[in-house]
Amino acid sequence: MTTTISFDDYSKIDLRIGTITEVFDFNEAHKPAYKLTIDFGSVGIKKSSAQITSLYSKEDLLNKQIIANINFPNKQISNFVSECLVLGAVDAFKVILLSPEENVPNGTPLL
């Protein structure tokens, strides 16, 4: 699905680099998922859930830099509030996280 948007629409999306600092099993989720705590530097700490258990272990994720949209409204998922959306490529029912090739400061915005 492709919809053309204006640059003004795109500029409303706040994509930032963050580092995962905590990973917990999300046993209450309907599909296997993790609860993530992500450090976005001066932007602050945010929490998110991600259905990435089939490809990533908790150890793989700890201290991993990721890309996330940090200006979506909070979303209640079971007993957890997700505060950002971690980005990934969806390939045949698995999600491959997007991350920078090199470490950059947490909170760095993407263009």
PDB file of N, CA and C in Angstrom:
ATOM      1  N   MET A   1       0.847  -1.170   0.000  1.00  0.00           N
ATOM      2  CA  MET A   1       0.000   0.000   0.000  1.00  0.00           C
ATOM      3  C   MET A   1       0.892   1.233   0.000  1.00  0.00           C
ATOM      4  N   THR A   2       0.706   2.094  -0.964  1.00  0.00           N
ATOM      5  CA  THR A   2       1.461   3.330  -1.041  1.00  0.00           C
ATOM      6  C   THR A   2       0.498   4.488  -1.201  1.00  0.00           C
ATOM      7  N   THR A   3       0.623   5.443  -0.300  1.00  0.00           N
ATOM      8  CA  THR A   3      -0.165   6.659  -0.363  1.00  0.00           C
ATOM      9  C   THR A   3       0.809   7.824  -0.390  1.00  0.00           C
ATOM     10  N   THR A   4       0.616   8.731  -1.309  1.00  0.00           N
ATOM     11  CA  THR A   4       1.477   9.902  -1.387  1.00  0.00           C
ATOM     12  C   THR A   4       1.097  10.869  -0.281  1.00  0.00           C
ATOM     13  N   ILE A   5       2.128  11.344   0.457  1.00  0.00           N
ATOM     14  CA  ILE A   5       1.905  12.339   1.487  1.00  0.00           C
ATOM     15  C   ILE A   5       2.757  13.552   1.174  1.00  0.00           C
ATOM     16  N   SER A   6       2.417  14.651   1.795  1.00  0.00           N
ATOM     17  CA  SER A   6       3.197  15.874   1.591  1.00  0.00           C
ATOM     18  C   SER A   6       4.394  15.878   2.537  1.00  0.00           C
ATOM     19  N   PHE A   7       5.354  16.747   2.242  1.00  0.00           N
ATOM     20  CA  PHE A   7       6.499  16.884   3.133  1.00  0.00           C
ATOM     21  C   PHE A   7       6.034  17.366   4.505  1.00  0.00           C
ATOM     22  N   ASP A   8       5.005  18.207   4.530  1.00  0.00           N
ATOM     23  CA  ASP A   8       4.464  18.666   5.814  1.00  0.00           C
ATOM     24  C   ASP A   8       3.951  17.485   6.638  1.00  0.00           C
ATOM     25  N   ASP A   9       3.290  16.513   5.982  1.00  0.00           N
ATOM     26  CA  ASP A   9       2.838  15.310   6.694  1.00  0.00           C
ATOM     27  C   ASP A   9       4.031  14.538   7.250  1.00  0.00           C
ATOM     28  N   TYR A  10       5.041  14.342   6.424  1.00  0.00           N
ATOM     29  CA  TYR A  10       6.231  13.592   6.845  1.00  0.00           C
ATOM     30  C   TYR A  10       6.940  14.290   7.998  1.00  0.00           C
ATOM     31  N   SER A  11       7.012  15.609   7.959  1.00  0.00           N
ATOM     32  CA  SER A  11       7.757  16.352   8.989  1.00  0.00           C
ATOM     33  C   SER A  11       7.094  16.252  10.362  1.00  0.00           C
ATOM     34  N   LYS A  12       5.870  15.777  10.431  1.00  0.00           N
ATOM     35  CA  LYS A  12       5.184  15.591  11.719  1.00  0.00           C
ATOM     36  C   LYS A  12       5.666  14.332  12.440  1.00  0.00           C
ATOM     37  N   ILE A  13       6.296  13.420  11.729  1.00  0.00           N
ATOM     38  CA  ILE A  13       6.765  12.167  12.316  1.00  0.00           C
ATOM     39  C   ILE A  13       8.101  12.426  13.013  1.00  0.00           C
ATOM     40  N   ASP A  14       8.208  12.048  14.285  1.00  0.00           N
ATOM     41  CA  ASP A  14       9.439  12.273  15.047  1.00  0.00           C
ATOM     42  C   ASP A  14      10.159  10.942  15.232  1.00  0.00           C
ATOM     43  N   LEU A  15      11.080  10.648  14.313  1.00  0.00           N
ATOM     44  CA  LEU A  15      11.872   9.423  14.368  1.00  0.00           C
ATOM     45  C   LEU A  15      13.186   9.722  15.074  1.00  0.00           C
ATOM     46  N   ARG A  16      13.527   8.875  16.059  1.00  0.00           N
ATOM     47  CA  ARG A  16      14.736   9.108  16.854  1.00  0.00           C
ATOM     48  C   ARG A  16      15.496   7.803  17.075  1.00  0.00           C
ATOM     49  N   ILE A  17      16.781   7.955  17.360  1.00  0.00           N
ATOM     50  CA  ILE A  17      17.635   6.845  17.758  1.00  0.00           C
ATOM     51  C   ILE A  17      17.533   6.678  19.268  1.00  0.00           C
ATOM     52  N   GLY A  18      17.388   5.435  19.703  1.00  0.00           N
ATOM     53  CA  GLY A  18      17.381   5.143  21.132  1.00  0.00           C
ATOM     54  C   GLY A  18      18.120   3.840  21.391  1.00  0.00           C
ATOM     55  N   THR A  19      18.518   3.645  22.645  1.00  0.00           N
ATOM     56  CA  THR A  19      19.200   2.417  23.057  1.00  0.00           C
ATOM     57  C   THR A  19      18.316   1.655  24.030  1.00  0.00           C
ATOM     58  N   ILE A  20      18.114   0.374  23.757  1.00  0.00           N
ATOM     59  CA  ILE A  20      17.314  -0.473  24.631  1.00  0.00           C
ATOM     60  C   ILE A  20      18.115  -0.749  25.895  1.00  0.00           C
ATOM     61  N   THR A  21      17.546  -0.385  27.052  1.00  0.00           N
ATOM     62  CA  THR A  21      18.247  -0.539  28.323  1.00  0.00           C
ATOM     63  C   THR A  21      17.668  -1.648  29.195  1.00  0.00           C
ATOM     64  N   GLU A  22      16.431  -2.054  28.924  1.00  0.00           N
ATOM     65  CA  GLU A  22      15.802  -3.149  29.665  1.00  0.00           C
ATOM     66  C   GLU A  22      14.898  -3.930  28.731  1.00  0.00           C
ATOM     67  N   VAL A  23      14.861  -5.252  28.938  1.00  0.00           N
ATOM     68  CA  VAL A  23      14.005  -6.126  28.134  1.00  0.00           C
ATOM     69  C   VAL A  23      13.344  -7.122  29.085  1.00  0.00           C
ATOM     70  N   PHE A  24      12.022  -7.202  29.017  1.00  0.00           N
ATOM     71  CA  PHE A  24      11.265  -8.137  29.853  1.00  0.00           C
ATOM     72  C   PHE A  24      10.296  -8.929  28.982  1.00  0.00           C
ATOM     73  N   ASP A  25      10.006 -10.156  29.371  1.00  0.00           N
ATOM     74  CA  ASP A  25       8.958 -10.921  28.710  1.00  0.00           C
ATOM     75  C   ASP A  25       7.623 -10.222  28.945  1.00  0.00           C
ATOM     76  N   PHE A  26       6.770 -10.218  27.931  1.00  0.00           N
ATOM     77  CA  PHE A  26       5.438  -9.622  28.038  1.00  0.00           C
ATOM     78  C   PHE A  26       4.428 -10.771  27.997  1.00  0.00           C
ATOM     79  N   ASN A  27       4.314 -11.456  29.104  1.00  0.00           N
ATOM     80  CA  ASN A  27       3.485 -12.666  29.179  1.00  0.00           C
ATOM     81  C   ASN A  27       2.001 -12.396  28.993  1.00  0.00           C
ATOM     82  N   GLU A  28       1.543 -11.180  29.272  1.00  0.00           N
ATOM     83  CA  GLU A  28       0.122 -10.846  29.160  1.00  0.00           C
ATOM     84  C   GLU A  28      -0.305 -10.546  27.721  1.00  0.00           C
ATOM     85  N   ALA A  29       0.633 -10.369  26.831  1.00  0.00           N
ATOM     86  CA  ALA A  29       0.315 -10.055  25.431  1.00  0.00           C
ATOM     87  C   ALA A  29      -0.315 -11.267  24.755  1.00  0.00           C
ATOM     88  N   HIS A  30      -1.194 -11.005  23.789  1.00  0.00           N
ATOM     89  CA  HIS A  30      -1.855 -12.098  23.051  1.00  0.00           C
ATOM     90  C   HIS A  30      -0.871 -12.866  22.174  1.00  0.00           C
ATOM     91  N   LYS A  31       0.095 -12.165  21.590  1.00  0.00           N
ATOM     92  CA  LYS A  31       1.147 -12.789  20.791  1.00  0.00           C
ATOM     93  C   LYS A  31       2.469 -12.595  21.522  1.00  0.00           C
ATOM     94  N   PRO A  32       3.428 -13.509  21.380  1.00  0.00           N
ATOM     95  CA  PRO A  32       4.707 -13.373  22.088  1.00  0.00           C
ATOM     96  C   PRO A  32       5.349 -12.010  21.814  1.00  0.00           C
ATOM     97  N   ALA A  33       5.765 -11.357  22.905  1.00  0.00           N
ATOM     98  CA  ALA A  33       6.329 -10.015  22.781  1.00  0.00           C
ATOM     99  C   ALA A  33       7.256  -9.728  23.961  1.00  0.00           C
ATOM    100  N   TYR A  34       8.015  -8.664  23.804  1.00  0.00           N
ATOM    101  CA  TYR A  34       8.860  -8.149  24.874  1.00  0.00           C
ATOM    102  C   TYR A  34       8.353  -6.770  25.280  1.00  0.00           C
ATOM    103  N   LYS A  35       8.614  -6.404  26.536  1.00  0.00           N
ATOM    104  CA  LYS A  35       8.482  -5.029  27.005  1.00  0.00           C
ATOM    105  C   LYS A  35       9.886  -4.435  26.962  1.00  0.00           C
ATOM    106  N   LEU A  36      10.017  -3.288  26.308  1.00  0.00           N
ATOM    107  CA  LEU A  36      11.310  -2.642  26.148  1.00  0.00           C
ATOM    108  C   LEU A  36      11.337  -1.295  26.866  1.00  0.00           C
ATOM    109  N   THR A  37      12.450  -0.991  27.502  1.00  0.00           N
ATOM    110  CA  THR A  37      12.718   0.356  28.019  1.00  0.00           C
ATOM    111  C   THR A  37      13.816   0.923  27.139  1.00  0.00           C
ATOM    112  N   ILE A  38      13.576   2.128  26.593  1.00  0.00           N
ATOM    113  CA  ILE A  38      14.480   2.704  25.595  1.00  0.00           C
ATOM    114  C   ILE A  38      14.908   4.096  26.024  1.00  0.00           C
ATOM    115  N   ASP A  39      16.213   4.337  25.988  1.00  0.00           N
ATOM    116  CA  ASP A  39      16.783   5.630  26.347  1.00  0.00           C
ATOM    117  C   ASP A  39      16.929   6.470  25.085  1.00  0.00           C
ATOM    118  N   PHE A  40      16.215   7.612  25.046  1.00  0.00           N
ATOM    119  CA  PHE A  40      16.296   8.535  23.925  1.00  0.00           C
ATOM    120  C   PHE A  40      17.057   9.806  24.299  1.00  0.00           C
ATOM    121  N   GLY A  41      18.025   9.670  25.202  1.00  0.00           N
ATOM    122  CA  GLY A  41      18.867  10.803  25.579  1.00  0.00           C
ATOM    123  C   GLY A  41      18.069  11.937  26.176  1.00  0.00           C
ATOM    124  N   SER A  42      18.260  13.148  25.657  1.00  0.00           N
ATOM    125  CA  SER A  42      17.588  14.329  26.207  1.00  0.00           C
ATOM    126  C   SER A  42      16.073  14.280  26.045  1.00  0.00           C
ATOM    127  N   VAL A  43      15.579  13.437  25.154  1.00  0.00           N
ATOM    128  CA  VAL A  43      14.134  13.278  24.958  1.00  0.00           C
ATOM    129  C   VAL A  43      13.526  12.493  26.115  1.00  0.00           C
ATOM    130  N   GLY A  44      14.326  11.624  26.742  1.00  0.00           N
ATOM    131  CA  GLY A  44      13.863  10.863  27.896  1.00  0.00           C
ATOM    132  C   GLY A  44      13.805   9.367  27.652  1.00  0.00           C
ATOM    133  N   ILE A  45      13.287   8.672  28.643  1.00  0.00           N
ATOM    134  CA  ILE A  45      13.127   7.220  28.618  1.00  0.00           C
ATOM    135  C   ILE A  45      11.692   6.914  28.215  1.00  0.00           C
ATOM    136  N   LYS A  46      11.525   5.985  27.280  1.00  0.00           N
ATOM    137  CA  LYS A  46      10.182   5.575  26.852  1.00  0.00           C
ATOM    138  C   LYS A  46      10.096   4.060  26.860  1.00  0.00           C
ATOM    139  N   LYS A  47       8.875   3.569  26.976  1.00  0.00           N
ATOM    140  CA  LYS A  47       8.622   2.126  26.974  1.00  0.00           C
ATOM    141  C   LYS A  47       7.867   1.750  25.708  1.00  0.00           C
ATOM    142  N   SER A  48       8.097   0.527  25.255  1.00  0.00           N
ATOM    143  CA  SER A  48       7.411   0.021  24.075  1.00  0.00           C
ATOM    144  C   SER A  48       7.293  -1.484  24.187  1.00  0.00           C
ATOM    145  N   SER A  49       6.346  -2.046  23.464  1.00  0.00           N
ATOM    146  CA  SER A  49       6.291  -3.498  23.347  1.00  0.00           C
ATOM    147  C   SER A  49       6.580  -3.856  21.893  1.00  0.00           C
ATOM    148  N   ALA A  50       7.155  -5.038  21.706  1.00  0.00           N
ATOM    149  CA  ALA A  50       7.526  -5.441  20.351  1.00  0.00           C
ATOM    150  C   ALA A  50       7.387  -6.949  20.205  1.00  0.00           C
ATOM    151  N   GLN A  51       6.741  -7.354  19.131  1.00  0.00           N
ATOM    152  CA  GLN A  51       6.554  -8.777  18.826  1.00  0.00           C
ATOM    153  C   GLN A  51       7.756  -9.266  18.013  1.00  0.00           C
ATOM    154  N   ILE A  52       8.882  -9.408  18.686  1.00  0.00           N
ATOM    155  CA  ILE A  52      10.133  -9.753  18.006  1.00  0.00           C
ATOM    156  C   ILE A  52      10.826 -10.937  18.673  1.00  0.00           C
ATOM    157  N   THR A  53      10.067 -11.731  19.422  1.00  0.00           N
ATOM    158  CA  THR A  53      10.664 -12.827  20.194  1.00  0.00           C
ATOM    159  C   THR A  53      11.186 -13.958  19.327  1.00  0.00           C
ATOM    160  N   SER A  54      10.666 -14.117  18.118  1.00  0.00           N
ATOM    161  CA  SER A  54      11.112 -15.233  17.268  1.00  0.00           C
ATOM    162  C   SER A  54      12.492 -14.980  16.663  1.00  0.00           C
ATOM    163  N   LEU A  55      12.904 -13.740  16.580  1.00  0.00           N
ATOM    164  CA  LEU A  55      14.168 -13.410  15.934  1.00  0.00           C
ATOM    165  C   LEU A  55      15.235 -12.892  16.897  1.00  0.00           C
ATOM    166  N   TYR A  56      14.811 -12.328  18.034  1.00  0.00           N
ATOM    167  CA  TYR A  56      15.744 -11.695  18.961  1.00  0.00           C
ATOM    168  C   TYR A  56      15.582 -12.261  20.369  1.00  0.00           C
ATOM    169  N   SER A  57      16.691 -12.546  21.016  1.00  0.00           N
ATOM    170  CA  SER A  57      16.659 -12.906  22.432  1.00  0.00           C
ATOM    171  C   SER A  57      16.747 -11.618  23.246  1.00  0.00           C
ATOM    172  N   LYS A  58      16.439 -11.711  24.522  1.00  0.00           N
ATOM    173  CA  LYS A  58      16.568 -10.535  25.390  1.00  0.00           C
ATOM    174  C   LYS A  58      18.016 -10.049  25.411  1.00  0.00           C
ATOM    175  N   GLU A  59      18.946 -10.977  25.395  1.00  0.00           N
ATOM    176  CA  GLU A  59      20.365 -10.611  25.405  1.00  0.00           C
ATOM    177  C   GLU A  59      20.765  -9.882  24.122  1.00  0.00           C
ATOM    178  N   ASP A  60      20.189 -10.301  22.970  1.00  0.00           N
ATOM    179  CA  ASP A  60      20.468  -9.629  21.691  1.00  0.00           C
ATOM    180  C   ASP A  60      20.026  -8.168  21.716  1.00  0.00           C
ATOM    181  N   LEU A  61      18.937  -7.908  22.426  1.00  0.00           N
ATOM    182  CA  LEU A  61      18.330  -6.580  22.401  1.00  0.00           C
ATOM    183  C   LEU A  61      18.957  -5.600  23.381  1.00  0.00           C
ATOM    184  N   LEU A  62      19.482  -6.112  24.477  1.00  0.00           N
ATOM    185  CA  LEU A  62      20.037  -5.242  25.499  1.00  0.00           C
ATOM    186  C   LEU A  62      21.200  -4.422  24.934  1.00  0.00           C
ATOM    187  N   ASN A  63      21.113  -3.114  25.076  1.00  0.00           N
ATOM    188  CA  ASN A  63      22.098  -2.142  24.585  1.00  0.00           C
ATOM    189  C   ASN A  63      22.104  -1.973  23.069  1.00  0.00           C
ATOM    190  N   LYS A  64      21.103  -2.504  22.389  1.00  0.00           N
ATOM    191  CA  LYS A  64      20.984  -2.341  20.938  1.00  0.00           C
ATOM    192  C   LYS A  64      20.358  -0.983  20.622  1.00  0.00           C
ATOM    193  N   GLN A  65      20.940  -0.271  19.672  1.00  0.00           N
ATOM    194  CA  GLN A  65      20.330   0.966  19.205  1.00  0.00           C
ATOM    195  C   GLN A  65      19.266   0.649  18.168  1.00  0.00           C
ATOM    196  N   ILE A  66      18.154   1.376  18.278  1.00  0.00           N
ATOM    197  CA  ILE A  66      17.019   1.154  17.377  1.00  0.00           C
ATOM    198  C   ILE A  66      16.506   2.507  16.891  1.00  0.00           C
ATOM    199  N   ILE A  67      15.581   2.444  15.942  1.00  0.00           N
ATOM    200  CA  ILE A  67      14.881   3.629  15.446  1.00  0.00           C
ATOM    201  C   ILE A  67      13.430   3.504  15.868  1.00  0.00           C
ATOM    202  N   ALA A  68      12.865   4.596  16.383  1.00  0.00           N
ATOM    203  CA  ALA A  68      11.471   4.563  16.829  1.00  0.00           C
ATOM    204  C   ALA A  68      10.786   5.884  16.527  1.00  0.00           C
ATOM    205  N   ASN A  69       9.476   5.806  16.341  1.00  0.00           N
ATOM    206  CA  ASN A  69       8.645   7.000  16.274  1.00  0.00           C
ATOM    207  C   ASN A  69       8.244   7.318  17.709  1.00  0.00           C
ATOM    208  N   ILE A  70       8.591   8.531  18.161  1.00  0.00           N
ATOM    209  CA  ILE A  70       8.334   8.855  19.562  1.00  0.00           C
ATOM    210  C   ILE A  70       7.157   9.815  19.760  1.00  0.00           C
ATOM    211  N   ASN A  71       6.442  10.183  18.696  1.00  0.00           N
ATOM    212  CA  ASN A  71       5.337  11.119  18.891  1.00  0.00           C
ATOM    213  C   ASN A  71       3.965  10.563  18.520  1.00  0.00           C
ATOM    214  N   PHE A  72       3.820   9.251  18.526  1.00  0.00           N
ATOM    215  CA  PHE A  72       2.480   8.660  18.462  1.00  0.00           C
ATOM    216  C   PHE A  72       1.843   8.793  19.838  1.00  0.00           C
ATOM    217  N   PRO A  73       0.526   8.797  19.910  1.00  0.00           N
ATOM    218  CA  PRO A  73      -0.096   8.782  21.238  1.00  0.00           C
ATOM    219  C   PRO A  73       0.194   7.446  21.930  1.00  0.00           C
ATOM    220  N   ASN A  74       0.201   7.464  23.265  1.00  0.00           N
ATOM    221  CA  ASN A  74       0.390   6.229  24.018  1.00  0.00           C
ATOM    222  C   ASN A  74      -0.677   5.218  23.641  1.00  0.00           C
ATOM    223  N   LYS A  75      -0.307   3.928  23.696  1.00  0.00           N
ATOM    224  CA  LYS A  75      -1.245   2.862  23.348  1.00  0.00           C
ATOM    225  C   LYS A  75      -1.262   1.837  24.474  1.00  0.00           C
ATOM    226  N   GLN A  76      -2.462   1.570  24.983  1.00  0.00           N
ATOM    227  CA  GLN A  76      -2.637   0.562  26.024  1.00  0.00           C
ATOM    228  C   GLN A  76      -2.650  -0.817  25.371  1.00  0.00           C
ATOM    229  N   ILE A  77      -1.737  -1.690  25.806  1.00  0.00           N
ATOM    230  CA  ILE A  77      -1.666  -3.057  25.306  1.00  0.00           C
ATOM    231  C   ILE A  77      -1.713  -3.958  26.535  1.00  0.00           C
ATOM    232  N   SER A  78      -2.850  -4.592  26.756  1.00  0.00           N
ATOM    233  CA  SER A  78      -3.068  -5.390  27.957  1.00  0.00           C
ATOM    234  C   SER A  78      -2.853  -4.489  29.173  1.00  0.00           C
ATOM    235  N   ASN A  79      -1.944  -4.855  30.068  1.00  0.00           N
ATOM    236  CA  ASN A  79      -1.707  -4.054  31.274  1.00  0.00           C
ATOM    237  C   ASN A  79      -0.486  -3.132  31.121  1.00  0.00           C
ATOM    238  N   PHE A  80      -0.104  -2.821  29.895  1.00  0.00           N
ATOM    239  CA  PHE A  80       1.122  -2.083  29.600  1.00  0.00           C
ATOM    240  C   PHE A  80       0.805  -0.896  28.702  1.00  0.00           C
ATOM    241  N   VAL A  81       1.470   0.228  28.935  1.00  0.00           N
ATOM    242  CA  VAL A  81       1.307   1.408  28.077  1.00  0.00           C
ATOM    243  C   VAL A  81       2.556   1.564  27.220  1.00  0.00           C
ATOM    244  N   SER A  82       2.379   1.462  25.905  1.00  0.00           N
ATOM    245  CA  SER A  82       3.466   1.646  24.957  1.00  0.00           C
ATOM    246  C   SER A  82       3.543   3.127  24.606  1.00  0.00           C
ATOM    247  N   GLU A  83       4.751   3.710  24.722  1.00  0.00           N
ATOM    248  CA  GLU A  83       4.931   5.148  24.540  1.00  0.00           C
ATOM    249  C   GLU A  83       5.625   5.517  23.233  1.00  0.00           C
ATOM    250  N   CYS A  84       6.055   4.531  22.471  1.00  0.00           N
ATOM    251  CA  CYS A  84       6.704   4.794  21.186  1.00  0.00           C
ATOM    252  C   CYS A  84       6.558   3.553  20.318  1.00  0.00           C
ATOM    253  N   LEU A  85       6.840   3.711  19.035  1.00  0.00           N
ATOM    254  CA  LEU A  85       6.739   2.602  18.091  1.00  0.00           C
ATOM    255  C   LEU A  85       8.122   2.294  17.535  1.00  0.00           C
ATOM    256  N   VAL A  86       8.650   1.133  17.899  1.00  0.00           N
ATOM    257  CA  VAL A  86       9.945   0.682  17.386  1.00  0.00           C
ATOM    258  C   VAL A  86       9.746   0.241  15.943  1.00  0.00           C
ATOM    259  N   LEU A  87      10.624   0.683  15.052  1.00  0.00           N
ATOM    260  CA  LEU A  87      10.456   0.395  13.627  1.00  0.00           C
ATOM    261  C   LEU A  87      11.189  -0.865  13.210  1.00  0.00           C
ATOM    262  N   GLY A  88      10.566  -1.602  12.313  1.00  0.00           N
ATOM    263  CA  GLY A  88      11.173  -2.800  11.776  1.00  0.00           C
ATOM    264  C   GLY A  88      10.597  -3.118  10.410  1.00  0.00           C
ATOM    265  N   ALA A  89      11.323  -3.900   9.658  1.00  0.00           N
ATOM    266  CA  ALA A  89      10.870  -4.384   8.362  1.00  0.00           C
ATOM    267  C   ALA A  89      10.154  -5.708   8.587  1.00  0.00           C
ATOM    268  N   VAL A  90       8.986  -5.869   7.988  1.00  0.00           N
ATOM    269  CA  VAL A  90       8.205  -7.092   8.146  1.00  0.00           C
ATOM    270  C   VAL A  90       8.485  -7.997   6.958  1.00  0.00           C
ATOM    271  N   ASP A  91       8.970  -9.205   7.269  1.00  0.00           N
ATOM    272  CA  ASP A  91       9.324 -10.164   6.231  1.00  0.00           C
ATOM    273  C   ASP A  91       8.760 -11.530   6.608  1.00  0.00           C
ATOM    274  N   ALA A  92       7.707 -11.940   5.940  1.00  0.00           N
ATOM    275  CA  ALA A  92       7.118 -13.280   6.146  1.00  0.00           C
ATOM    276  C   ALA A  92       6.902 -13.568   7.625  1.00  0.00           C
ATOM    277  N   PHE A  93       6.128 -12.728   8.266  1.00  0.00           N
ATOM    278  CA  PHE A  93       5.703 -12.924   9.649  1.00  0.00           C
ATOM    279  C   PHE A  93       6.803 -12.737  10.677  1.00  0.00           C
ATOM    280  N   LYS A  94       7.915 -12.120  10.322  1.00  0.00           N
ATOM    281  CA  LYS A  94       8.917 -11.762  11.320  1.00  0.00           C
ATOM    282  C   LYS A  94       9.257 -10.291  11.133  1.00  0.00           C
ATOM    283  N   VAL A  95       9.693  -9.680  12.222  1.00  0.00           N
ATOM    284  CA  VAL A  95      10.039  -8.263  12.203  1.00  0.00           C
ATOM    285  C   VAL A  95      11.541  -8.128  12.417  1.00  0.00           C
ATOM    286  N   ILE A  96      12.195  -7.444  11.497  1.00  0.00           N
ATOM    287  CA  ILE A  96      13.631  -7.200  11.569  1.00  0.00           C
ATOM    288  C   ILE A  96      13.812  -5.736  11.951  1.00  0.00           C
ATOM    289  N   LEU A  97      14.384  -5.510  13.138  1.00  0.00           N
ATOM    290  CA  LEU A  97      14.521  -4.149  13.648  1.00  0.00           C
ATOM    291  C   LEU A  97      15.406  -3.290  12.766  1.00  0.00           C
ATOM    292  N   LEU A  98      15.041  -2.019  12.667  1.00  0.00           N
ATOM    293  CA  LEU A  98      15.869  -1.046  11.969  1.00  0.00           C
ATOM    294  C   LEU A  98      16.798  -0.404  12.990  1.00  0.00           C
ATOM    295  N   SER A  99      18.063  -0.283  12.628  1.00  0.00           N
ATOM    296  CA  SER A  99      19.035   0.314  13.541  1.00  0.00           C
ATOM    297  C   SER A  99      20.143   0.981  12.731  1.00  0.00           C
ATOM    298  N   PRO A 100      20.833   1.959  13.349  1.00  0.00           N
ATOM    299  CA  PRO A 100      21.918   2.617  12.619  1.00  0.00           C
ATOM    300  C   PRO A 100      23.106   1.683  12.447  1.00  0.00           C
ATOM    301  N   GLU A 101      23.897   1.909  11.411  1.00  0.00           N
ATOM    302  CA  GLU A 101      25.092   1.096  11.166  1.00  0.00           C
ATOM    303  C   GLU A 101      26.169   1.342  12.207  1.00  0.00           C
ATOM    304  N   GLU A 102      26.224   2.554  12.735  1.00  0.00           N
ATOM    305  CA  GLU A 102      27.196   2.920  13.760  1.00  0.00           C
ATOM    306  C   GLU A 102      26.441   3.533  14.930  1.00  0.00           C
ATOM    307  N   ASN A 103      27.025   3.455  16.137  1.00  0.00           N
ATOM    308  CA  ASN A 103      26.392   4.081  17.290  1.00  0.00           C
ATOM    309  C   ASN A 103      26.366   5.591  17.110  1.00  0.00           C
ATOM    310  N   VAL A 104      25.232   6.172  17.443  1.00  0.00           N
ATOM    311  CA  VAL A 104      25.056   7.620  17.419  1.00  0.00           C
ATOM    312  C   VAL A 104      24.439   8.016  18.752  1.00  0.00           C
ATOM    313  N   PRO A 105      24.491   9.301  19.110  1.00  0.00           N
ATOM    314  CA  PRO A 105      23.921   9.710  20.396  1.00  0.00           C
ATOM    315  C   PRO A 105      22.423   9.405  20.471  1.00  0.00           C
ATOM    316  N   ASN A 106      21.991   8.917  21.638  1.00  0.00           N
ATOM    317  CA  ASN A 106      20.569   8.678  21.854  1.00  0.00           C
ATOM    318  C   ASN A 106      19.791   9.978  21.694  1.00  0.00           C
ATOM    319  N   GLY A 107      18.643   9.889  21.054  1.00  0.00           N
ATOM    320  CA  GLY A 107      17.808  11.054  20.811  1.00  0.00           C
ATOM    321  C   GLY A 107      18.074  11.730  19.475  1.00  0.00           C
ATOM    322  N   THR A 108      19.095  11.264  18.755  1.00  0.00           N
ATOM    323  CA  THR A 108      19.396  11.848  17.441  1.00  0.00           C
ATOM    324  C   THR A 108      18.174  11.694  16.531  1.00  0.00           C
ATOM    325  N   PRO A 109      17.722  12.790  15.921  1.00  0.00           N
ATOM    326  CA  PRO A 109      16.566  12.697  15.013  1.00  0.00           C
ATOM    327  C   PRO A 109      16.979  12.171  13.651  1.00  0.00           C
ATOM    328  N   LEU A 110      16.036  11.538  12.971  1.00  0.00           N
ATOM    329  CA  LEU A 110      16.243  11.090  11.608  1.00  0.00           C
ATOM    330  C   LEU A 110      15.567  12.070  10.670  1.00  0.00           C
ATOM    331  N   LEU A 111      16.138  12.233   9.496  1.00  0.00           N
ATOM    332  CA  LEU A 111      15.573  13.146   8.501  1.00  0.00           C
ATOM    333  C   LEU A 111      14.647  12.405   7.575  1.00  0.00           C
TER     334      LEU A 111
END
